[in-house]
N, C-alpha and C. Protein backbone atom coordinates (compact mmCIF):
# COMPACT_ATOMS: atom_id res chain seq x y z
N MET A 1 -4.02 -20.95 -16.83
CA MET A 1 -4.83 -20.74 -15.65
C MET A 1 -4.37 -21.72 -14.58
N ALA A 2 -4.17 -21.24 -13.38
CA ALA A 2 -3.69 -22.06 -12.28
C ALA A 2 -4.84 -22.83 -11.64
N PHE A 3 -4.51 -23.97 -11.11
CA PHE A 3 -5.45 -24.79 -10.35
C PHE A 3 -5.36 -24.36 -8.90
N GLY A 4 -6.48 -24.04 -8.28
CA GLY A 4 -6.45 -23.54 -6.90
C GLY A 4 -7.49 -24.20 -6.02
N ASP A 5 -7.56 -23.72 -4.77
CA ASP A 5 -8.49 -24.28 -3.80
C ASP A 5 -9.94 -24.22 -4.27
N SER A 6 -10.30 -23.18 -4.99
CA SER A 6 -11.69 -23.06 -5.44
C SER A 6 -12.04 -24.13 -6.48
N ASP A 7 -11.04 -24.78 -7.07
CA ASP A 7 -11.28 -25.83 -8.06
C ASP A 7 -11.44 -27.22 -7.43
N LEU A 8 -11.13 -27.36 -6.14
CA LEU A 8 -11.19 -28.67 -5.51
C LEU A 8 -12.57 -29.32 -5.56
N PRO A 9 -13.66 -28.60 -5.31
CA PRO A 9 -14.97 -29.26 -5.41
C PRO A 9 -15.23 -29.86 -6.80
N ILE A 10 -14.78 -29.19 -7.84
CA ILE A 10 -14.97 -29.71 -9.20
C ILE A 10 -14.13 -30.96 -9.40
N PHE A 11 -12.87 -30.92 -8.97
CA PHE A 11 -11.99 -32.07 -9.09
C PHE A 11 -12.58 -33.28 -8.37
N PHE A 12 -12.97 -33.09 -7.11
CA PHE A 12 -13.49 -34.21 -6.34
C PHE A 12 -14.86 -34.67 -6.84
N SER A 13 -15.66 -33.80 -7.42
CA SER A 13 -16.95 -34.24 -7.94
C SER A 13 -16.77 -35.09 -9.19
N ASP A 14 -15.71 -34.83 -9.96
CA ASP A 14 -15.48 -35.59 -11.20
C ASP A 14 -14.78 -36.93 -10.97
N PHE A 15 -13.88 -36.99 -10.00
CA PHE A 15 -13.02 -38.17 -9.87
C PHE A 15 -13.23 -38.96 -8.58
N ALA A 16 -14.14 -38.55 -7.74
CA ALA A 16 -14.20 -39.11 -6.40
C ALA A 16 -15.41 -39.99 -6.16
N VAL A 17 -15.36 -40.66 -5.01
CA VAL A 17 -16.46 -41.50 -4.54
C VAL A 17 -16.94 -40.96 -3.20
N ALA A 18 -18.08 -41.44 -2.73
CA ALA A 18 -18.65 -40.97 -1.47
C ALA A 18 -17.81 -41.45 -0.29
N VAL A 19 -17.54 -40.52 0.63
CA VAL A 19 -16.82 -40.81 1.87
C VAL A 19 -17.71 -40.36 3.03
N SER A 20 -17.99 -41.27 3.96
CA SER A 20 -18.85 -40.95 5.10
C SER A 20 -18.04 -41.02 6.39
N PHE A 21 -18.21 -39.97 7.21
CA PHE A 21 -17.53 -39.92 8.50
C PHE A 21 -18.37 -39.10 9.46
N ASN A 22 -18.63 -39.67 10.62
CA ASN A 22 -19.30 -38.94 11.69
C ASN A 22 -20.64 -38.34 11.25
N GLY A 23 -21.39 -39.11 10.44
CA GLY A 23 -22.69 -38.66 9.99
C GLY A 23 -22.68 -37.66 8.84
N GLN A 24 -21.51 -37.38 8.30
CA GLN A 24 -21.40 -36.44 7.17
C GLN A 24 -20.87 -37.19 5.95
N THR A 25 -21.18 -36.68 4.78
CA THR A 25 -20.71 -37.28 3.54
C THR A 25 -19.98 -36.25 2.71
N ALA A 26 -18.87 -36.66 2.11
CA ALA A 26 -18.07 -35.81 1.24
C ALA A 26 -17.59 -36.67 0.07
N LYS A 27 -16.79 -36.10 -0.78
CA LYS A 27 -16.21 -36.83 -1.90
C LYS A 27 -14.70 -36.96 -1.68
N GLY A 28 -14.15 -38.11 -2.05
CA GLY A 28 -12.72 -38.33 -1.90
C GLY A 28 -12.24 -39.36 -2.90
N THR A 29 -10.94 -39.51 -3.00
CA THR A 29 -10.35 -40.52 -3.88
C THR A 29 -9.57 -41.52 -3.04
N LEU A 30 -9.72 -42.79 -3.37
CA LEU A 30 -9.03 -43.86 -2.65
C LEU A 30 -8.06 -44.53 -3.61
N ASP A 31 -6.79 -44.49 -3.27
CA ASP A 31 -5.76 -45.16 -4.05
C ASP A 31 -5.26 -46.37 -3.28
N THR A 32 -5.06 -47.46 -4.00
CA THR A 32 -4.49 -48.65 -3.38
C THR A 32 -3.16 -48.96 -4.04
N ASP A 33 -2.25 -49.47 -3.22
CA ASP A 33 -0.92 -49.79 -3.70
C ASP A 33 -0.49 -51.11 -3.08
N SER A 34 -0.16 -52.08 -3.91
CA SER A 34 0.32 -53.37 -3.41
C SER A 34 1.84 -53.38 -3.39
N ASN A 35 2.40 -53.83 -2.28
CA ASN A 35 3.85 -53.90 -2.13
C ASN A 35 4.25 -55.33 -1.80
N PRO A 36 4.68 -56.10 -2.80
CA PRO A 36 5.13 -57.46 -2.48
C PRO A 36 6.46 -57.41 -1.73
N ILE A 37 6.57 -58.25 -0.72
CA ILE A 37 7.80 -58.33 0.06
C ILE A 37 8.43 -59.69 -0.23
N GLN A 38 9.61 -59.68 -0.79
CA GLN A 38 10.31 -60.91 -1.13
C GLN A 38 11.18 -61.36 0.04
N HIS A 39 11.29 -62.67 0.19
CA HIS A 39 12.16 -63.23 1.21
C HIS A 39 13.28 -63.96 0.47
N GLY A 40 14.46 -63.39 0.50
CA GLY A 40 15.57 -64.01 -0.21
C GLY A 40 15.38 -63.92 -1.70
N ASN A 41 15.92 -64.91 -2.42
CA ASN A 41 15.82 -64.91 -3.88
C ASN A 41 14.77 -65.88 -4.39
N GLY A 42 14.04 -66.52 -3.48
CA GLY A 42 13.06 -67.52 -3.89
C GLY A 42 11.75 -66.90 -4.33
N PRO A 43 10.83 -67.77 -4.75
CA PRO A 43 9.54 -67.29 -5.24
C PRO A 43 8.58 -66.88 -4.13
N GLY A 44 8.88 -67.23 -2.89
CA GLY A 44 7.98 -66.95 -1.79
C GLY A 44 8.00 -65.49 -1.38
N GLY A 45 7.03 -65.11 -0.64
CA GLY A 45 6.94 -63.74 -0.14
C GLY A 45 5.51 -63.47 0.29
N LEU A 46 5.25 -62.24 0.66
CA LEU A 46 3.90 -61.85 1.02
C LEU A 46 3.64 -60.45 0.49
N GLY A 47 2.40 -60.12 0.44
CA GLY A 47 2.04 -58.82 -0.09
C GLY A 47 1.35 -57.97 0.95
N THR A 48 1.60 -56.70 0.88
CA THR A 48 0.89 -55.76 1.74
C THR A 48 0.16 -54.79 0.82
N LYS A 49 -0.92 -54.24 1.31
CA LYS A 49 -1.70 -53.32 0.49
C LYS A 49 -1.91 -52.05 1.30
N LYS A 50 -1.66 -50.92 0.67
CA LYS A 50 -1.88 -49.63 1.32
C LYS A 50 -3.13 -48.99 0.72
N TYR A 51 -3.89 -48.33 1.58
CA TYR A 51 -5.08 -47.61 1.16
C TYR A 51 -4.89 -46.14 1.54
N LEU A 52 -4.80 -45.28 0.56
CA LEU A 52 -4.59 -43.85 0.80
C LEU A 52 -5.82 -43.08 0.33
N LEU A 53 -6.49 -42.44 1.28
CA LEU A 53 -7.68 -41.65 0.98
C LEU A 53 -7.29 -40.18 0.94
N ARG A 54 -7.74 -39.49 -0.09
CA ARG A 54 -7.54 -38.04 -0.20
C ARG A 54 -8.91 -37.37 -0.23
N ILE A 55 -9.08 -36.40 0.66
CA ILE A 55 -10.32 -35.64 0.73
C ILE A 55 -9.97 -34.16 0.88
N PRO A 56 -10.88 -33.26 0.53
CA PRO A 56 -10.61 -31.85 0.81
C PRO A 56 -10.40 -31.66 2.31
N ALA A 57 -9.48 -30.83 2.69
CA ALA A 57 -9.16 -30.62 4.11
C ALA A 57 -10.37 -30.15 4.90
N ASN A 58 -11.29 -29.47 4.25
CA ASN A 58 -12.47 -28.97 4.94
C ASN A 58 -13.71 -29.83 4.68
N ALA A 59 -13.52 -31.08 4.31
CA ALA A 59 -14.64 -31.96 3.96
C ALA A 59 -15.57 -32.23 5.14
N PHE A 60 -15.02 -32.32 6.33
CA PHE A 60 -15.81 -32.63 7.51
C PHE A 60 -15.57 -31.57 8.58
N THR A 61 -16.53 -31.43 9.49
CA THR A 61 -16.38 -30.40 10.54
C THR A 61 -15.25 -30.75 11.50
N THR A 62 -14.99 -32.05 11.70
CA THR A 62 -13.83 -32.48 12.49
C THR A 62 -12.98 -33.39 11.62
N THR A 63 -11.69 -33.30 11.80
CA THR A 63 -10.76 -34.12 11.03
C THR A 63 -10.77 -35.55 11.57
N PRO A 64 -10.91 -36.55 10.71
CA PRO A 64 -10.82 -37.93 11.18
C PRO A 64 -9.46 -38.19 11.83
N ALA A 65 -9.46 -38.82 12.99
CA ALA A 65 -8.24 -39.12 13.71
C ALA A 65 -7.92 -40.60 13.60
N GLU A 66 -6.76 -40.99 14.08
CA GLU A 66 -6.39 -42.40 14.08
C GLU A 66 -7.44 -43.21 14.81
N LEU A 67 -7.74 -44.39 14.28
CA LEU A 67 -8.71 -45.35 14.79
C LEU A 67 -10.16 -44.94 14.57
N ALA A 68 -10.40 -43.86 13.85
CA ALA A 68 -11.77 -43.44 13.55
C ALA A 68 -12.34 -44.35 12.45
N ALA A 69 -13.63 -44.61 12.54
CA ALA A 69 -14.33 -45.39 11.51
C ALA A 69 -14.71 -44.45 10.37
N ILE A 70 -14.52 -44.92 9.14
CA ILE A 70 -14.83 -44.12 7.96
C ILE A 70 -15.29 -45.09 6.87
N ALA A 71 -16.21 -44.67 6.04
CA ALA A 71 -16.69 -45.51 4.94
C ALA A 71 -16.35 -44.84 3.62
N VAL A 72 -15.84 -45.63 2.70
CA VAL A 72 -15.48 -45.13 1.37
C VAL A 72 -16.22 -45.97 0.34
N ASP A 73 -17.10 -45.32 -0.40
CA ASP A 73 -17.90 -45.99 -1.42
C ASP A 73 -18.65 -47.19 -0.83
N GLY A 74 -19.15 -47.01 0.41
CA GLY A 74 -19.93 -48.03 1.07
C GLY A 74 -19.14 -49.12 1.77
N VAL A 75 -17.82 -49.05 1.75
CA VAL A 75 -16.96 -50.05 2.38
C VAL A 75 -16.37 -49.46 3.66
N SER A 76 -16.40 -50.23 4.76
CA SER A 76 -15.91 -49.75 6.05
C SER A 76 -14.39 -49.85 6.15
N TYR A 77 -13.79 -48.80 6.67
CA TYR A 77 -12.35 -48.73 6.93
C TYR A 77 -12.13 -48.11 8.30
N THR A 78 -10.91 -48.25 8.79
CA THR A 78 -10.46 -47.58 10.00
C THR A 78 -9.27 -46.72 9.63
N VAL A 79 -9.21 -45.51 10.16
CA VAL A 79 -8.06 -44.64 9.89
C VAL A 79 -6.85 -45.23 10.61
N LYS A 80 -5.86 -45.59 9.83
CA LYS A 80 -4.63 -46.17 10.38
C LYS A 80 -3.70 -45.06 10.87
N SER A 81 -3.52 -44.04 10.05
CA SER A 81 -2.67 -42.91 10.44
C SER A 81 -2.89 -41.74 9.50
N LEU A 82 -2.42 -40.59 9.93
CA LEU A 82 -2.41 -39.40 9.10
C LEU A 82 -0.95 -39.10 8.80
N PRO A 83 -0.50 -39.41 7.59
CA PRO A 83 0.90 -39.15 7.26
C PRO A 83 1.16 -37.64 7.25
N PRO A 84 2.42 -37.23 7.22
CA PRO A 84 2.70 -35.79 7.11
C PRO A 84 1.99 -35.22 5.89
N GLN A 85 1.29 -34.12 6.11
CA GLN A 85 0.48 -33.52 5.05
C GLN A 85 1.34 -32.62 4.18
N LEU A 86 1.27 -32.83 2.87
CA LEU A 86 2.07 -32.06 1.92
C LEU A 86 1.32 -30.86 1.36
N ASP A 87 -0.01 -30.86 1.51
CA ASP A 87 -0.83 -29.81 0.93
C ASP A 87 -1.90 -29.44 1.95
N SER A 88 -2.02 -28.19 2.28
CA SER A 88 -3.00 -27.79 3.30
C SER A 88 -4.44 -27.83 2.78
N SER A 89 -4.63 -28.03 1.49
CA SER A 89 -5.98 -28.08 0.92
C SER A 89 -6.54 -29.48 0.83
N VAL A 90 -5.66 -30.48 0.79
CA VAL A 90 -6.07 -31.87 0.63
C VAL A 90 -5.52 -32.67 1.81
N LEU A 91 -6.41 -33.41 2.47
CA LEU A 91 -6.04 -34.22 3.61
C LEU A 91 -5.82 -35.65 3.14
N GLU A 92 -4.71 -36.26 3.54
CA GLU A 92 -4.43 -37.65 3.21
C GLU A 92 -4.54 -38.50 4.47
N LEU A 93 -5.21 -39.64 4.33
CA LEU A 93 -5.41 -40.57 5.44
C LEU A 93 -5.00 -41.97 4.98
N LEU A 94 -4.20 -42.66 5.77
CA LEU A 94 -3.92 -44.06 5.50
C LEU A 94 -4.99 -44.88 6.20
N LEU A 95 -5.60 -45.79 5.47
CA LEU A 95 -6.71 -46.59 6.00
C LEU A 95 -6.35 -48.06 6.06
N LYS A 96 -7.10 -48.79 6.88
CA LYS A 96 -7.03 -50.25 6.85
C LYS A 96 -8.45 -50.76 6.73
N PRO A 97 -8.65 -51.87 6.03
CA PRO A 97 -9.99 -52.38 5.80
C PRO A 97 -10.67 -52.78 7.11
N GLY A 98 -11.97 -52.60 7.16
CA GLY A 98 -12.77 -53.01 8.29
C GLY A 98 -12.87 -51.93 9.36
N ALA A 99 -13.89 -52.07 10.17
CA ALA A 99 -14.10 -51.12 11.27
C ALA A 99 -13.70 -51.79 12.56
N LEU A 100 -13.25 -50.98 13.51
CA LEU A 100 -12.89 -51.52 14.83
C LEU A 100 -14.10 -51.78 15.67
């Protein structure tokens, strides 16, 4: 049996957390990825962290745009960018912590 658009509400209800935007609430998944940046061959460096939110494309009546405030599981974020979308059913948003 194939996984399709009609299965997205079940997927997001099982694996997701609350996402609030513009007075509406939906379910989404937030993935974090740490990328250490090394300087030369020494032990020093710095780390960057990426926050990637995935929500159903139709989760909200308007699509969150860059610099929009959004809350994920009660934590405030700002939409950093919308990367190229690979799936028309799932919207991906890159976030940064805190609200503007």
